[in-house]
Amino acid sequence: MINPSVGVDPEPQSDVSTLVVRPAAPDEAADLFRLITDNLETGHLLPRPLGEVVLHVPRFLVAAGPTGVVACAELARLGPRLAEVRSLVVAGSHRSLGVGTLLLNKVVEMARQHGYTKISAFAYNPRPFVRLGFSIVPHPWVPEKISTDCHRCEWFRRCAQYAVVLDLKPNVVRT
């Protein structure tokens, strides 16, 4: 079911307390696709075909409220211990309200629950990730991403995105 409000910028909602972060439902694939597609430029996202989004719906978390899905993010497996945040996007009407941070925190929590020891992302704007403890690293430090996706990308070796990683291993207290 396509939510007609996705991709439209209604009046901003200052109260994010009505939003729930939850796994995406299979019938929300078109909503996710539209949210991603409508925000390619402003969200600095890479395009994704609808078929890929449909296939990966079980890996998405969404922030949804009375008007439907207003944000999404995918947790993709890159290796046995490494996951990647993909397609993190917040509708324009809900930006600067903390929705992206809320969603990113839930994706990190989900990565921990799945037993990943590291989570990565490739982003044009690394600030939201760095604020949550991610470190900017050289692209070769994430070889799983390069071998899985980057080598097929038209921007390979000319990428303007920052690679960021977060170590999810439990903190070891040394005395």
C-alpha atoms as a PDB file:
ATOM      1  CA  MET A   1       0.000   0.000   0.000  1.00  0.00           C
ATOM      2  CA  ILE A   2       1.490   3.325  -0.995  1.00  0.00           C
ATOM      3  CA  ASN A   3       1.186   6.046   1.566  1.00  0.00           C
ATOM      4  CA  PRO A   4       0.297   9.226  -0.327  1.00  0.00           C
ATOM      5  CA  SER A   5       2.018  11.388   2.283  1.00  0.00           C
ATOM      6  CA  VAL A   6       5.455   9.858   1.676  1.00  0.00           C
ATOM      7  CA  GLY A   7       7.494  12.224  -0.441  1.00  0.00           C
ATOM      8  CA  VAL A   8       5.194  15.124   0.383  1.00  0.00           C
ATOM      9  CA  ASP A   9       6.321  17.670   2.910  1.00  0.00           C
ATOM     10  CA  PRO A  10       3.284  18.355   5.104  1.00  0.00           C
ATOM     11  CA  GLU A  11       3.500  20.679   8.068  1.00  0.00           C
ATOM     12  CA  PRO A  12       6.417  19.670  10.314  1.00  0.00           C
ATOM     13  CA  GLN A  13       5.461  17.700  13.356  1.00  0.00           C
ATOM     14  CA  SER A  14       7.336  19.008  16.359  1.00  0.00           C
ATOM     15  CA  ASP A  15       6.235  16.118  18.558  1.00  0.00           C
ATOM     16  CA  VAL A  16       8.171  12.992  17.600  1.00  0.00           C
ATOM     17  CA  SER A  17       6.681  11.157  20.574  1.00  0.00           C
ATOM     18  CA  THR A  18       3.958   9.858  18.239  1.00  0.00           C
ATOM     19  CA  LEU A  19       6.580   8.038  16.135  1.00  0.00           C
ATOM     20  CA  VAL A  20       7.332   4.363  16.603  1.00  0.00           C
ATOM     21  CA  VAL A  21      10.521   2.719  15.351  1.00  0.00           C
ATOM     22  CA  ARG A  22       9.749  -0.803  14.188  1.00  0.00           C
ATOM     23  CA  PRO A  23      10.640  -3.336  11.498  1.00  0.00           C
ATOM     24  CA  ALA A  24       9.257  -2.433   8.083  1.00  0.00           C
ATOM     25  CA  ALA A  25       6.192  -4.374   6.952  1.00  0.00           C
ATOM     26  CA  PRO A  26       6.328  -6.186   3.595  1.00  0.00           C
ATOM     27  CA  ASP A  27       3.571  -3.960   2.189  1.00  0.00           C
ATOM     28  CA  GLU A  28       5.668  -0.841   2.922  1.00  0.00           C
ATOM     29  CA  ALA A  29       8.288  -1.533   0.222  1.00  0.00           C
ATOM     30  CA  ALA A  30       6.763   1.035  -2.134  1.00  0.00           C
ATOM     31  CA  ASP A  31       6.749   3.625   0.671  1.00  0.00           C
ATOM     32  CA  LEU A  32      10.429   2.944   1.403  1.00  0.00           C
ATOM     33  CA  PHE A  33      11.293   3.146  -2.286  1.00  0.00           C
ATOM     34  CA  ARG A  34       9.475   6.471  -2.659  1.00  0.00           C
ATOM     35  CA  LEU A  35      11.096   7.889   0.498  1.00  0.00           C
ATOM     36  CA  ILE A  36      14.545   6.923  -0.795  1.00  0.00           C
ATOM     37  CA  THR A  37      13.872   8.107  -4.348  1.00  0.00           C
ATOM     38  CA  ASP A  38      12.322  11.409  -3.295  1.00  0.00           C
ATOM     39  CA  ASN A  39      15.368  12.173  -1.176  1.00  0.00           C
ATOM     40  CA  LEU A  40      18.201  11.147  -3.523  1.00  0.00           C
ATOM     41  CA  GLU A  41      19.459  14.715  -3.889  1.00  0.00           C
ATOM     42  CA  THR A  42      18.640  16.210  -0.496  1.00  0.00           C
ATOM     43  CA  GLY A  43      19.521  13.062   1.412  1.00  0.00           C
ATOM     44  CA  HIS A  44      22.627  12.390  -0.673  1.00  0.00           C
ATOM     45  CA  LEU A  45      21.536   8.808  -1.199  1.00  0.00           C
ATOM     46  CA  LEU A  46      22.486   6.380  -3.910  1.00  0.00           C
ATOM     47  CA  PRO A  47      19.548   5.183  -6.013  1.00  0.00           C
ATOM     48  CA  ARG A  48      18.055   1.773  -5.277  1.00  0.00           C
ATOM     49  CA  PRO A  49      15.830  -0.215  -7.621  1.00  0.00           C
ATOM     50  CA  LEU A  50      12.356  -1.062  -6.326  1.00  0.00           C
ATOM     51  CA  GLY A  51      13.087  -4.793  -6.659  1.00  0.00           C
ATOM     52  CA  GLU A  52      16.076  -4.474  -4.358  1.00  0.00           C
ATOM     53  CA  VAL A  53      14.048  -2.583  -1.765  1.00  0.00           C
ATOM     54  CA  VAL A  54      11.285  -5.223  -1.951  1.00  0.00           C
ATOM     55  CA  LEU A  55      13.868  -7.980  -1.478  1.00  0.00           C
ATOM     56  CA  HIS A  56      15.460  -6.243   1.506  1.00  0.00           C
ATOM     57  CA  VAL A  57      12.334  -5.013   3.351  1.00  0.00           C
ATOM     58  CA  PRO A  58      12.989  -7.455   6.240  1.00  0.00           C
ATOM     59  CA  ARG A  59      16.288  -5.633   6.901  1.00  0.00           C
ATOM     60  CA  PHE A  60      14.677  -2.177   7.235  1.00  0.00           C
ATOM     61  CA  LEU A  61      13.574  -0.323  10.320  1.00  0.00           C
ATOM     62  CA  VAL A  62      11.098   2.518   9.915  1.00  0.00           C
ATOM     63  CA  ALA A  63       9.973   5.455  11.983  1.00  0.00           C
ATOM     64  CA  ALA A  64       6.222   5.682  11.500  1.00  0.00           C
ATOM     65  CA  GLY A  65       3.459   7.772  12.930  1.00  0.00           C
ATOM     66  CA  PRO A  66      -0.090   8.814  12.159  1.00  0.00           C
ATOM     67  CA  THR A  67       0.876   9.944   8.644  1.00  0.00           C
ATOM     68  CA  GLY A  68       2.787   6.735   7.849  1.00  0.00           C
ATOM     69  CA  VAL A  69       6.488   6.061   7.302  1.00  0.00           C
ATOM     70  CA  VAL A  70       8.602   9.197   7.782  1.00  0.00           C
ATOM     71  CA  ALA A  71      12.081   7.641   7.984  1.00  0.00           C
ATOM     72  CA  CYS A  72      13.864   4.396   7.214  1.00  0.00           C
ATOM     73  CA  ALA A  73      17.222   2.671   7.488  1.00  0.00           C
ATOM     74  CA  GLU A  74      18.491  -0.742   6.443  1.00  0.00           C
ATOM     75  CA  LEU A  75      20.899  -2.958   8.374  1.00  0.00           C
ATOM     76  CA  ALA A  76      22.772  -5.011   5.776  1.00  0.00           C
ATOM     77  CA  ARG A  77      25.164  -7.860   6.523  1.00  0.00           C
ATOM     78  CA  LEU A  78      28.614  -7.354   4.991  1.00  0.00           C
ATOM     79  CA  GLY A  79      30.337 -10.196   6.809  1.00  0.00           C
ATOM     80  CA  PRO A  80      30.009 -12.478   9.826  1.00  0.00           C
ATOM     81  CA  ARG A  81      30.922  -9.668  12.239  1.00  0.00           C
ATOM     82  CA  LEU A  82      30.262  -6.537  10.129  1.00  0.00           C
ATOM     83  CA  ALA A  83      26.990  -4.836   9.189  1.00  0.00           C
ATOM     84  CA  GLU A  84      26.281  -1.637   7.280  1.00  0.00           C
ATOM     85  CA  VAL A  85      23.672   1.088   7.699  1.00  0.00           C
ATOM     86  CA  ARG A  86      22.136   1.773   4.271  1.00  0.00           C
ATOM     87  CA  SER A  87      19.460   4.133   2.998  1.00  0.00           C
ATOM     88  CA  LEU A  88      19.134   6.115   6.226  1.00  0.00           C
ATOM     89  CA  VAL A  89      16.689   8.846   5.264  1.00  0.00           C
ATOM     90  CA  VAL A  90      14.213  11.113   7.028  1.00  0.00           C
ATOM     91  CA  ALA A  91      11.384  12.878   5.189  1.00  0.00           C
ATOM     92  CA  GLY A  92      11.928  16.615   4.917  1.00  0.00           C
ATOM     93  CA  SER A  93       8.944  17.328   7.147  1.00  0.00           C
ATOM     94  CA  HIS A  94      10.604  15.468  10.019  1.00  0.00           C
ATOM     95  CA  ARG A  95      14.234  16.551   9.717  1.00  0.00           C
ATOM     96  CA  SER A  96      16.015  18.317  12.569  1.00  0.00           C
ATOM     97  CA  LEU A  97      13.676  16.726  15.109  1.00  0.00           C
ATOM     98  CA  GLY A  98      15.966  13.876  16.191  1.00  0.00           C
ATOM     99  CA  VAL A  99      14.213  11.206  14.102  1.00  0.00           C
ATOM    100  CA  GLY A 100      17.410  10.224  12.276  1.00  0.00           C
ATOM    101  CA  THR A 101      19.328   9.905  15.539  1.00  0.00           C
ATOM    102  CA  LEU A 102      16.529   7.841  17.070  1.00  0.00           C
ATOM    103  CA  LEU A 103      16.480   5.544  14.049  1.00  0.00           C
ATOM    104  CA  LEU A 104      20.271   5.226  13.877  1.00  0.00           C
ATOM    105  CA  ASN A 105      20.431   4.318  17.577  1.00  0.00           C
ATOM    106  CA  LYS A 106      17.850   1.566  16.982  1.00  0.00           C
ATOM    107  CA  VAL A 107      19.839   0.232  13.998  1.00  0.00           C
ATOM    108  CA  VAL A 108      22.991   0.107  16.151  1.00  0.00           C
ATOM    109  CA  GLU A 109      21.025  -1.690  18.876  1.00  0.00           C
ATOM    110  CA  MET A 110      19.729  -4.172  16.291  1.00  0.00           C
ATOM    111  CA  ALA A 111      23.286  -4.799  15.048  1.00  0.00           C
ATOM    112  CA  ARG A 112      24.368  -5.606  18.600  1.00  0.00           C
ATOM    113  CA  GLN A 113      21.426  -7.982  19.033  1.00  0.00           C
ATOM    114  CA  HIS A 114      22.444  -9.787  15.835  1.00  0.00           C
ATOM    115  CA  GLY A 115      25.964 -10.288  17.221  1.00  0.00           C
ATOM    116  CA  TYR A 116      27.862  -7.922  14.936  1.00  0.00           C
ATOM    117  CA  THR A 117      31.068  -6.507  16.400  1.00  0.00           C
ATOM    118  CA  LYS A 118      31.273  -3.579  13.974  1.00  0.00           C
ATOM    119  CA  ILE A 119      28.843  -1.463  12.043  1.00  0.00           C
ATOM    120  CA  SER A 120      29.737   0.772   9.129  1.00  0.00           C
ATOM    121  CA  ALA A 121      28.140   3.335   6.874  1.00  0.00           C
ATOM    122  CA  PHE A 122      29.124   5.340   3.844  1.00  0.00           C
ATOM    123  CA  ALA A 123      27.740   8.865   4.001  1.00  0.00           C
ATOM    124  CA  TYR A 124      28.195  12.236   2.339  1.00  0.00           C
ATOM    125  CA  ASN A 125      27.597  13.835   5.727  1.00  0.00           C
ATOM    126  CA  PRO A 126      29.371  11.874   8.470  1.00  0.00           C
ATOM    127  CA  ARG A 127      28.386  14.265  11.302  1.00  0.00           C
ATOM    128  CA  PRO A 128      25.307  12.342  12.538  1.00  0.00           C
ATOM    129  CA  PHE A 129      27.382   9.175  12.706  1.00  0.00           C
ATOM    130  CA  VAL A 130      30.377  10.813  14.397  1.00  0.00           C
ATOM    131  CA  ARG A 131      28.058  12.326  17.036  1.00  0.00           C
ATOM    132  CA  LEU A 132      27.033   8.758  17.930  1.00  0.00           C
ATOM    133  CA  GLY A 133      30.613   7.507  18.266  1.00  0.00           C
ATOM    134  CA  PHE A 134      31.445   6.379  14.713  1.00  0.00           C
ATOM    135  CA  SER A 135      34.952   7.125  13.436  1.00  0.00           C
ATOM    136  CA  ILE A 136      35.830   8.271   9.940  1.00  0.00           C
ATOM    137  CA  VAL A 137      38.184   5.728   8.344  1.00  0.00           C
ATOM    138  CA  PRO A 138      39.813   5.221   4.938  1.00  0.00           C
ATOM    139  CA  HIS A 139      37.611   3.233   2.551  1.00  0.00           C
ATOM    140  CA  PRO A 140      40.106   0.305   2.396  1.00  0.00           C
ATOM    141  CA  TRP A 141      39.432  -0.293   6.092  1.00  0.00           C
ATOM    142  CA  VAL A 142      36.029  -1.658   5.041  1.00  0.00           C
ATOM    143  CA  PRO A 143      37.094  -4.197   2.374  1.00  0.00           C
ATOM    144  CA  GLU A 144      33.820  -6.109   2.691  1.00  0.00           C
ATOM    145  CA  LYS A 145      31.929  -3.068   1.401  1.00  0.00           C
ATOM    146  CA  ILE A 146      34.359  -2.560  -1.469  1.00  0.00           C
ATOM    147  CA  SER A 147      34.124  -6.175  -2.599  1.00  0.00           C
ATOM    148  CA  THR A 148      30.340  -6.359  -2.106  1.00  0.00           C
ATOM    149  CA  ASP A 149      29.172  -3.060  -3.606  1.00  0.00           C
ATOM    150  CA  CYS A 150      31.796  -0.433  -4.372  1.00  0.00           C
ATOM    151  CA  HIS A 151      33.523  -2.169  -7.266  1.00  0.00           C
ATOM    152  CA  ARG A 152      30.202  -2.103  -9.194  1.00  0.00           C
ATOM    153  CA  CYS A 153      29.433   1.550  -8.436  1.00  0.00           C
ATOM    154  CA  GLU A 154      29.862   4.220 -11.096  1.00  0.00           C
ATOM    155  CA  TRP A 155      31.665   6.325  -8.473  1.00  0.00           C
ATOM    156  CA  PHE A 156      34.234   3.618  -7.626  1.00  0.00           C
ATOM    157  CA  ARG A 157      37.624   5.233  -6.951  1.00  0.00           C
ATOM    158  CA  ARG A 158      35.934   8.671  -7.220  1.00  0.00           C
ATOM    159  CA  CYS A 159      33.637   8.330  -4.220  1.00  0.00           C
ATOM    160  CA  ALA A 160      32.791  11.469  -2.275  1.00  0.00           C
ATOM    161  CA  GLN A 161      31.284   9.540   0.638  1.00  0.00           C
ATOM    162  CA  TYR A 162      32.980   9.127   3.994  1.00  0.00           C
ATOM    163  CA  ALA A 163      33.438   5.653   5.424  1.00  0.00           C
ATOM    164  CA  VAL A 164      32.501   5.516   9.103  1.00  0.00           C
ATOM    165  CA  VAL A 165      32.692   2.605  11.525  1.00  0.00           C
ATOM    166  CA  LEU A 166      31.600   1.920  15.085  1.00  0.00           C
ATOM    167  CA  ASP A 167      33.113  -0.814  17.226  1.00  0.00           C
ATOM    168  CA  LEU A 168      30.290  -2.701  18.943  1.00  0.00           C
ATOM    169  CA  LYS A 169      32.416  -4.918  21.151  1.00  0.00           C
ATOM    170  CA  PRO A 170      31.530  -4.551  24.792  1.00  0.00           C
ATOM    171  CA  ASN A 171      33.722  -2.083  26.610  1.00  0.00           C
ATOM    172  CA  VAL A 172      36.419  -3.848  28.578  1.00  0.00           C
ATOM    173  CA  VAL A 173      37.179  -2.227  31.912  1.00  0.00           C
ATOM    174  CA  ARG A 174      40.828  -2.555  32.821  1.00  0.00           C
ATOM    175  CA  THR A 175      41.969  -2.088  36.380  1.00  0.00           C
END
